[in-house]
All heavy atoms as atom14 arrays in JSON, in Angstrom:
{
  "sequence": "LCISDVLPILAKMLHGHKAEPLHLCHRLDKETTGV",
  "atom14_mask": [
    [1, 1, 1, 1, 1, 1, 1, 1, 0, 0, 0, 0, 0, 0],
    [1, 1, 1, 1, 1, 1, 0, 0, 0, 0, 0, 0, 0, 0],
    [1, 1, 1, 1, 1, 1, 1, 1, 0, 0, 0, 0, 0, 0],
    [1, 1, 1, 1, 1, 1, 0, 0, 0, 0, 0, 0, 0, 0],
    [1, 1, 1, 1, 1, 1, 1, 1, 0, 0, 0, 0, 0, 0],
    [1, 1, 1, 1, 1, 1, 1, 0, 0, 0, 0, 0, 0, 0],
    [1, 1, 1, 1, 1, 1, 1, 1, 0, 0, 0, 0, 0, 0],
    [1, 1, 1, 1, 1, 1, 1, 0, 0, 0, 0, 0, 0, 0],
    [1, 1, 1, 1, 1, 1, 1, 1, 0, 0, 0, 0, 0, 0],
    [1, 1, 1, 1, 1, 1, 1, 1, 0, 0, 0, 0, 0, 0],
    [1, 1, 1, 1, 1, 0, 0, 0, 0, 0, 0, 0, 0, 0],
    [1, 1, 1, 1, 1, 1, 1, 1, 1, 0, 0, 0, 0, 0],
    [1, 1, 1, 1, 1, 1, 1, 1, 0, 0, 0, 0, 0, 0],
    [1, 1, 1, 1, 1, 1, 1, 1, 0, 0, 0, 0, 0, 0],
    [1, 1, 1, 1, 1, 1, 1, 1, 1, 1, 0, 0, 0, 0],
    [1, 1, 1, 1, 0, 0, 0, 0, 0, 0, 0, 0, 0, 0],
    [1, 1, 1, 1, 1, 1, 1, 1, 1, 1, 0, 0, 0, 0],
    [1, 1, 1, 1, 1, 1, 1, 1, 1, 0, 0, 0, 0, 0],
    [1, 1, 1, 1, 1, 0, 0, 0, 0, 0, 0, 0, 0, 0],
    [1, 1, 1, 1, 1, 1, 1, 1, 1, 0, 0, 0, 0, 0],
    [1, 1, 1, 1, 1, 1, 1, 0, 0, 0, 0, 0, 0, 0],
    [1, 1, 1, 1, 1, 1, 1, 1, 0, 0, 0, 0, 0, 0],
    [1, 1, 1, 1, 1, 1, 1, 1, 1, 1, 0, 0, 0, 0],
    [1, 1, 1, 1, 1, 1, 1, 1, 0, 0, 0, 0, 0, 0],
    [1, 1, 1, 1, 1, 1, 0, 0, 0, 0, 0, 0, 0, 0],
    [1, 1, 1, 1, 1, 1, 1, 1, 1, 1, 0, 0, 0, 0],
    [1, 1, 1, 1, 1, 1, 1, 1, 1, 1, 1, 0, 0, 0],
    [1, 1, 1, 1, 1, 1, 1, 1, 0, 0, 0, 0, 0, 0],
    [1, 1, 1, 1, 1, 1, 1, 1, 0, 0, 0, 0, 0, 0],
    [1, 1, 1, 1, 1, 1, 1, 1, 1, 0, 0, 0, 0, 0],
    [1, 1, 1, 1, 1, 1, 1, 1, 1, 0, 0, 0, 0, 0],
    [1, 1, 1, 1, 1, 1, 1, 0, 0, 0, 0, 0, 0, 0],
    [1, 1, 1, 1, 1, 1, 1, 0, 0, 0, 0, 0, 0, 0],
    [1, 1, 1, 1, 0, 0, 0, 0, 0, 0, 0, 0, 0, 0],
    [1, 1, 1, 1, 1, 1, 1, 0, 0, 0, 0, 0, 0, 0]
  ],
  "atom14_positions": [
    [[-1.71, -46.51, -128.32], [-1.89, -47.6, -129.24], [-1.84, -48.91, -128.46], [-1.03, -49.05, -127.55], [-0.79, -47.56, -130.29], [-0.88, -48.47, -131.5], [-2.17, -48.18, -132.29], [0.31, -48.28, -132.41], [0.0, 0.0, 0.0], [0.0, 0.0, 0.0], [0.0, 0.0, 0.0], [0.0, 0.0, 0.0], [0.0, 0.0, 0.0], [0.0, 0.0, 0.0]],
    [[-2.71, -49.84, -128.82], [-2.73, -51.12, -128.1], [-2.97, -52.26, -129.1], [-3.28, -52.01, -130.26], [-3.81, -51.11, -127.02], [-5.48, -50.89, -127.64], [0.0, 0.0, 0.0], [0.0, 0.0, 0.0], [0.0, 0.0, 0.0], [0.0, 0.0, 0.0], [0.0, 0.0, 0.0], [0.0, 0.0, 0.0], [0.0, 0.0, 0.0], [0.0, 0.0, 0.0]],
    [[-2.85, -53.46, -128.62], [-2.98, -54.63, -129.49], [-4.38, -54.7, -130.1], [-4.53, -54.95, -131.29], [-2.63, -55.92, -128.74], [-1.12, -55.96, -128.47], [-3.08, -57.17, -129.51], [-0.63, -57.13, -127.68], [0.0, 0.0, 0.0], [0.0, 0.0, 0.0], [0.0, 0.0, 0.0], [0.0, 0.0, 0.0], [0.0, 0.0, 0.0], [0.0, 0.0, 0.0]],
    [[-5.43, -54.48, -129.3], [-6.78, -54.57, -129.83], [-7.03, -53.58, -130.97], [-7.82, -53.84, -131.86], [-7.82, -54.43, -128.71], [-7.75, -53.17, -128.13], [0.0, 0.0, 0.0], [0.0, 0.0, 0.0], [0.0, 0.0, 0.0], [0.0, 0.0, 0.0], [0.0, 0.0, 0.0], [0.0, 0.0, 0.0], [0.0, 0.0, 0.0], [0.0, 0.0, 0.0]],
    [[-6.31, -52.45, -130.96], [-6.46, -51.46, -132.04], [-6.0, -51.99, -133.39], [-6.5, -51.58, -134.43], [-5.64, -50.2, -131.73], [-6.19, -49.37, -130.6], [-7.37, -49.55, -130.24], [-5.43, -48.53, -130.07], [0.0, 0.0, 0.0], [0.0, 0.0, 0.0], [0.0, 0.0, 0.0], [0.0, 0.0, 0.0], [0.0, 0.0, 0.0], [0.0, 0.0, 0.0]],
    [[-5.0, -52.87, -133.37], [-4.41, -53.31, -134.63], [-4.84, -54.7, -135.09], [-4.37, -55.19, -136.1], [-2.86, -53.21, -134.57], [-2.4, -51.81, -134.31], [-2.29, -54.19, -133.56], [0.0, 0.0, 0.0], [0.0, 0.0, 0.0], [0.0, 0.0, 0.0], [0.0, 0.0, 0.0], [0.0, 0.0, 0.0], [0.0, 0.0, 0.0], [0.0, 0.0, 0.0]],
    [[-5.79, -55.32, -134.37], [-6.23, -56.66, -134.77], [-6.85, -56.68, -136.18], [-6.61, -57.61, -136.94], [-7.18, -57.25, -133.74], [-6.53, -57.62, -132.4], [-7.55, -58.22, -131.46], [-5.34, -58.54, -132.58], [0.0, 0.0, 0.0], [0.0, 0.0, 0.0], [0.0, 0.0, 0.0], [0.0, 0.0, 0.0], [0.0, 0.0, 0.0], [0.0, 0.0, 0.0]],
    [[-7.65, -55.66, -136.56], [-8.15, -55.67, -137.94], [-7.04, -55.57, -138.98], [-7.07, -56.24, -140.02], [-9.05, -54.43, -138.0], [-9.44, -54.15, -136.59], [-8.23, -54.58, -135.77], [0.0, 0.0, 0.0], [0.0, 0.0, 0.0], [0.0, 0.0, 0.0], [0.0, 0.0, 0.0], [0.0, 0.0, 0.0], [0.0, 0.0, 0.0], [0.0, 0.0, 0.0]],
    [[-6.01, -54.78, -138.69], [-4.9, -54.62, -139.62], [-4.09, -55.92, -139.71], [-3.73, -56.37, -140.79], [-3.98, -53.45, -139.19], [-4.78, -52.15, -139.15], [-2.76, -53.34, -140.09], [-4.09, -51.02, -138.44], [0.0, 0.0, 0.0], [0.0, 0.0, 0.0], [0.0, 0.0, 0.0], [0.0, 0.0, 0.0], [0.0, 0.0, 0.0], [0.0, 0.0, 0.0]],
    [[-3.83, -56.53, -138.55], [-3.09, -57.79, -138.51], [-3.82, -58.87, -139.3], [-3.21, -59.61, -140.08], [-2.85, -58.23, -137.07], [-2.08, -59.54, -136.86], [-0.69, -59.46, -137.5], [-1.99, -59.87, -135.38], [0.0, 0.0, 0.0], [0.0, 0.0, 0.0], [0.0, 0.0, 0.0], [0.0, 0.0, 0.0], [0.0, 0.0, 0.0], [0.0, 0.0, 0.0]],
    [[-5.13, -58.95, -139.15], [-5.94, -59.94, -139.87], [-5.81, -59.74, -141.39], [-5.65, -60.69, -142.14], [-7.39, -59.84, -139.43], [0.0, 0.0, 0.0], [0.0, 0.0, 0.0], [0.0, 0.0, 0.0], [0.0, 0.0, 0.0], [0.0, 0.0, 0.0], [0.0, 0.0, 0.0], [0.0, 0.0, 0.0], [0.0, 0.0, 0.0], [0.0, 0.0, 0.0]],
    [[-5.85, -58.49, -141.81], [-5.73, -58.19, -143.26], [-4.33, -58.51, -143.77], [-4.2, -58.98, -144.91], [-6.1, -56.73, -143.52], [-7.58, -56.5, -143.37], [-7.97, -55.07, -143.54], [-9.49, -55.02, -143.32], [-10.08, -53.74, -143.36], [0.0, 0.0, 0.0], [0.0, 0.0, 0.0], [0.0, 0.0, 0.0], [0.0, 0.0, 0.0], [0.0, 0.0, 0.0]],
    [[-3.34, -58.31, -142.94], [-1.96, -58.66, -143.35], [-1.85, -60.18, -143.55], [-1.13, -60.64, -144.44], [-0.96, -58.23, -142.3], [-0.67, -56.78, -142.29], [0.53, -56.39, -141.0], [0.88, -54.69, -141.39], [0.0, 0.0, 0.0], [0.0, 0.0, 0.0], [0.0, 0.0, 0.0], [0.0, 0.0, 0.0], [0.0, 0.0, 0.0], [0.0, 0.0, 0.0]],
    [[-2.56, -60.93, -142.72], [-2.44, -62.38, -142.75], [-3.37, -63.05, -143.76], [-3.05, -64.1, -144.32], [-2.67, -62.97, -141.36], [-1.7, -62.53, -140.28], [-2.12, -63.07, -138.93], [-0.27, -62.96, -140.61], [0.0, 0.0, 0.0], [0.0, 0.0, 0.0], [0.0, 0.0, 0.0], [0.0, 0.0, 0.0], [0.0, 0.0, 0.0], [0.0, 0.0, 0.0]],
    [[-4.58, -62.46, -143.97], [-5.59, -63.11, -144.8], [-6.15, -62.25, -145.93], [-7.14, -62.61, -146.55], [-6.76, -63.56, -143.93], [-6.6, -64.93, -143.37], [-7.64, -65.69, -142.94], [-5.5, -65.71, -143.19], [-7.2, -66.86, -142.52], [-5.91, -66.89, -142.66], [0.0, 0.0, 0.0], [0.0, 0.0, 0.0], [0.0, 0.0, 0.0], [0.0, 0.0, 0.0]],
    [[-5.58, -61.09, -146.16], [-6.07, -60.25, -147.24], [-7.06, -59.2, -146.78], [-7.52, -59.19, -145.65], [0.0, 0.0, 0.0], [0.0, 0.0, 0.0], [0.0, 0.0, 0.0], [0.0, 0.0, 0.0], [0.0, 0.0, 0.0], [0.0, 0.0, 0.0], [0.0, 0.0, 0.0], [0.0, 0.0, 0.0], [0.0, 0.0, 0.0], [0.0, 0.0, 0.0]],
    [[-7.42, -58.29, -147.69], [-8.21, -57.11, -147.35], [-9.63, -57.41, -146.9], [-10.27, -56.57, -146.27], [-8.24, -56.13, -148.52], [-6.91, -55.47, -148.72], [-6.43, -54.52, -147.85], [-5.96, -55.63, -149.68], [-5.24, -54.11, -148.26], [-4.93, -54.77, -149.35], [0.0, 0.0, 0.0], [0.0, 0.0, 0.0], [0.0, 0.0, 0.0], [0.0, 0.0, 0.0]],
    [[-10.17, -58.57, -147.2], [-11.55, -58.9, -146.81], [-11.61, -59.65, -145.48], [-12.68, -60.06, -145.05], [-12.24, -59.7, -147.92], [-12.45, -58.88, -149.17], [-13.24, -59.62, -150.19], [-13.42, -58.75, -151.43], [-14.25, -59.38, -152.43], [0.0, 0.0, 0.0], [0.0, 0.0, 0.0], [0.0, 0.0, 0.0], [0.0, 0.0, 0.0], [0.0, 0.0, 0.0]],
    [[-10.47, -59.83, -144.84], [-10.41, -60.59, -143.58], [-11.17, -59.86, -142.46], [-11.09, -58.64, -142.35], [-8.98, -60.84, -143.17], [0.0, 0.0, 0.0], [0.0, 0.0, 0.0], [0.0, 0.0, 0.0], [0.0, 0.0, 0.0], [0.0, 0.0, 0.0], [0.0, 0.0, 0.0], [0.0, 0.0, 0.0], [0.0, 0.0, 0.0], [0.0, 0.0, 0.0]],
    [[-11.88, -60.62, -141.68], [-12.53, -60.11, -140.48], [-11.47, -59.93, -139.38], [-10.48, -60.68, -139.36], [-13.62, -61.07, -139.99], [-14.79, -61.18, -140.95], [-15.59, -59.89, -141.02], [-15.83, -59.26, -139.97], [-15.97, -59.52, -142.16], [0.0, 0.0, 0.0], [0.0, 0.0, 0.0], [0.0, 0.0, 0.0], [0.0, 0.0, 0.0], [0.0, 0.0, 0.0]],
    [[-11.66, -58.98, -138.45], [-10.67, -58.8, -137.38], [-10.51, -60.07, -136.53], [-11.44, -60.84, -136.35], [-11.26, -57.68, -136.54], [-12.22, -56.98, -137.42], [-12.74, -58.02, -138.38], [0.0, 0.0, 0.0], [0.0, 0.0, 0.0], [0.0, 0.0, 0.0], [0.0, 0.0, 0.0], [0.0, 0.0, 0.0], [0.0, 0.0, 0.0], [0.0, 0.0, 0.0]],
    [[-9.31, -60.24, -136.02], [-9.05, -61.32, -135.07], [-9.71, -60.97, -133.73], [-9.99, -59.8, -133.46], [-7.53, -61.48, -134.87], [-6.8, -62.12, -136.04], [-5.35, -61.7, -136.06], [-6.93, -63.63, -135.97], [0.0, 0.0, 0.0], [0.0, 0.0, 0.0], [0.0, 0.0, 0.0], [0.0, 0.0, 0.0], [0.0, 0.0, 0.0], [0.0, 0.0, 0.0]],
    [[-9.96, -61.99, -132.93], [-10.61, -61.82, -131.63], [-9.64, -62.22, -130.52], [-8.95, -63.24, -130.62], [-11.87, -62.72, -131.52], [-12.86, -62.42, -132.58], [-13.79, -61.43, -132.48], [-13.05, -63.0, -133.8], [-14.55, -61.4, -133.56], [-14.11, -62.34, -134.39], [0.0, 0.0, 0.0], [0.0, 0.0, 0.0], [0.0, 0.0, 0.0], [0.0, 0.0, 0.0]],
    [[-9.6, -61.43, -129.47], [-8.76, -61.74, -128.3], [-9.38, -62.91, -127.54], [-10.59, -62.94, -127.3], [-8.7, -60.54, -127.37], [-7.95, -59.32, -127.88], [-8.24, -58.12, -126.99], [-6.48, -59.59, -127.96], [0.0, 0.0, 0.0], [0.0, 0.0, 0.0], [0.0, 0.0, 0.0], [0.0, 0.0, 0.0], [0.0, 0.0, 0.0], [0.0, 0.0, 0.0]],
    [[-8.54, -63.85, -127.16], [-9.02, -64.98, -126.36], [-8.72, -64.79, -124.87], [-9.32, -65.43, -124.03], [-8.36, -66.26, -126.84], [-8.83, -66.72, -128.52], [0.0, 0.0, 0.0], [0.0, 0.0, 0.0], [0.0, 0.0, 0.0], [0.0, 0.0, 0.0], [0.0, 0.0, 0.0], [0.0, 0.0, 0.0], [0.0, 0.0, 0.0], [0.0, 0.0, 0.0]],
    [[-7.8, -63.91, -124.55], [-7.45, -63.6, -123.17], [-6.62, -62.34, -123.22], [-6.39, -61.77, -124.29], [-6.67, -64.74, -122.51], [-5.34, -65.0, -123.16], [-4.15, -64.6, -122.63], [-5.03, -65.59, -124.36], [-3.18, -64.96, -123.43], [-3.68, -65.56, -124.49], [0.0, 0.0, 0.0], [0.0, 0.0, 0.0], [0.0, 0.0, 0.0], [0.0, 0.0, 0.0]],
    [[-6.16, -61.87, -122.1], [-5.32, -60.7, -122.09], [-4.1, -60.94, -121.22], [-4.09, -61.84, -120.39], [-6.07, -59.45, -121.62], [-6.56, -59.53, -120.18], [-7.23, -58.21, -119.78], [-7.09, -57.99, -118.35], [-6.04, -57.47, -117.76], [-4.99, -57.09, -118.43], [-6.01, -57.31, -116.46], [0.0, 0.0, 0.0], [0.0, 0.0, 0.0], [0.0, 0.0, 0.0]],
    [[-3.11, -60.14, -121.42], [-1.93, -60.13, -120.58], [-1.74, -58.7, -120.11], [-2.05, -57.75, -120.83], [-0.69, -60.59, -121.36], [-0.65, -62.04, -121.8], [0.56, -62.29, -122.69], [-0.62, -62.98, -120.61], [0.0, 0.0, 0.0], [0.0, 0.0, 0.0], [0.0, 0.0, 0.0], [0.0, 0.0, 0.0], [0.0, 0.0, 0.0], [0.0, 0.0, 0.0]],
    [[-1.19, -58.54, -118.93], [-0.92, -57.2, -118.42], [0.1, -56.51, -119.3], [0.92, -57.14, -119.97], [-0.4, -57.27, -116.97], [-1.49, -57.7, -115.99], [-2.68, -57.53, -116.3], [-1.11, -58.19, -114.91], [0.0, 0.0, 0.0], [0.0, 0.0, 0.0], [0.0, 0.0, 0.0], [0.0, 0.0, 0.0], [0.0, 0.0, 0.0], [0.0, 0.0, 0.0]],
    [[0.08, -55.2, -119.25], [0.99, -54.39, -120.05], [2.45, -54.78, -119.81], [3.23, -54.88, -120.74], [0.77, -52.91, -119.69], [1.68, -51.96, -120.41], [1.37, -50.54, -119.94], [2.36, -49.57, -120.53], [2.13, -48.19, -120.1], [0.0, 0.0, 0.0], [0.0, 0.0, 0.0], [0.0, 0.0, 0.0], [0.0, 0.0, 0.0], [0.0, 0.0, 0.0]],
    [[2.79, -55.04, -118.56], [4.17, -55.36, -118.22], [4.53, -56.83, -118.42], [5.64, -57.24, -118.12], [4.46, -54.97, -116.76], [4.41, -53.49, -116.5], [2.99, -52.95, -116.32], [2.05, -53.77, -116.13], [2.81, -51.73, -116.41], [0.0, 0.0, 0.0], [0.0, 0.0, 0.0], [0.0, 0.0, 0.0], [0.0, 0.0, 0.0], [0.0, 0.0, 0.0]],
    [[3.59, -57.62, -118.92], [3.85, -59.04, -119.13], [4.2, -59.3, -120.59], [3.53, -58.83, -121.49], [2.61, -59.87, -118.74], [2.28, -59.61, -117.37], [2.82, -61.35, -118.93], [0.0, 0.0, 0.0], [0.0, 0.0, 0.0], [0.0, 0.0, 0.0], [0.0, 0.0, 0.0], [0.0, 0.0, 0.0], [0.0, 0.0, 0.0], [0.0, 0.0, 0.0]],
    [[5.26, -60.06, -120.78], [5.66, -60.52, -122.1], [5.28, -61.97, -122.18], [5.46, -62.73, -121.24], [7.19, -60.37, -122.26], [7.51, -59.01, -122.13], [7.65, -60.88, -123.61], [0.0, 0.0, 0.0], [0.0, 0.0, 0.0], [0.0, 0.0, 0.0], [0.0, 0.0, 0.0], [0.0, 0.0, 0.0], [0.0, 0.0, 0.0], [0.0, 0.0, 0.0]],
    [[4.74, -62.39, -123.3], [4.4, -63.79, -123.44], [3.5, -64.05, -124.63], [3.19, -63.13, -125.4], [0.0, 0.0, 0.0], [0.0, 0.0, 0.0], [0.0, 0.0, 0.0], [0.0, 0.0, 0.0], [0.0, 0.0, 0.0], [0.0, 0.0, 0.0], [0.0, 0.0, 0.0], [0.0, 0.0, 0.0], [0.0, 0.0, 0.0], [0.0, 0.0, 0.0]],
    [[3.08, -65.29, -124.76], [2.23, -65.64, -125.88], [0.78, -65.21, -125.62], [0.32, -65.26, -124.49], [2.29, -67.15, -126.24], [3.68, -67.52, -126.69], [1.85, -68.02, -125.08], [0.0, 0.0, 0.0], [0.0, 0.0, 0.0], [0.0, 0.0, 0.0], [0.0, 0.0, 0.0], [0.0, 0.0, 0.0], [0.0, 0.0, 0.0], [0.0, 0.0, 0.0]]
  ]
}
């Protein structure tokens, strides 16, 4: 499981069932914590 897998679900949680998936603007390594 990864972040890109859950972007459609996260978008729906934030904007309702008709929300389009969020788009990644950059990436962070698996071992990196941050914004």
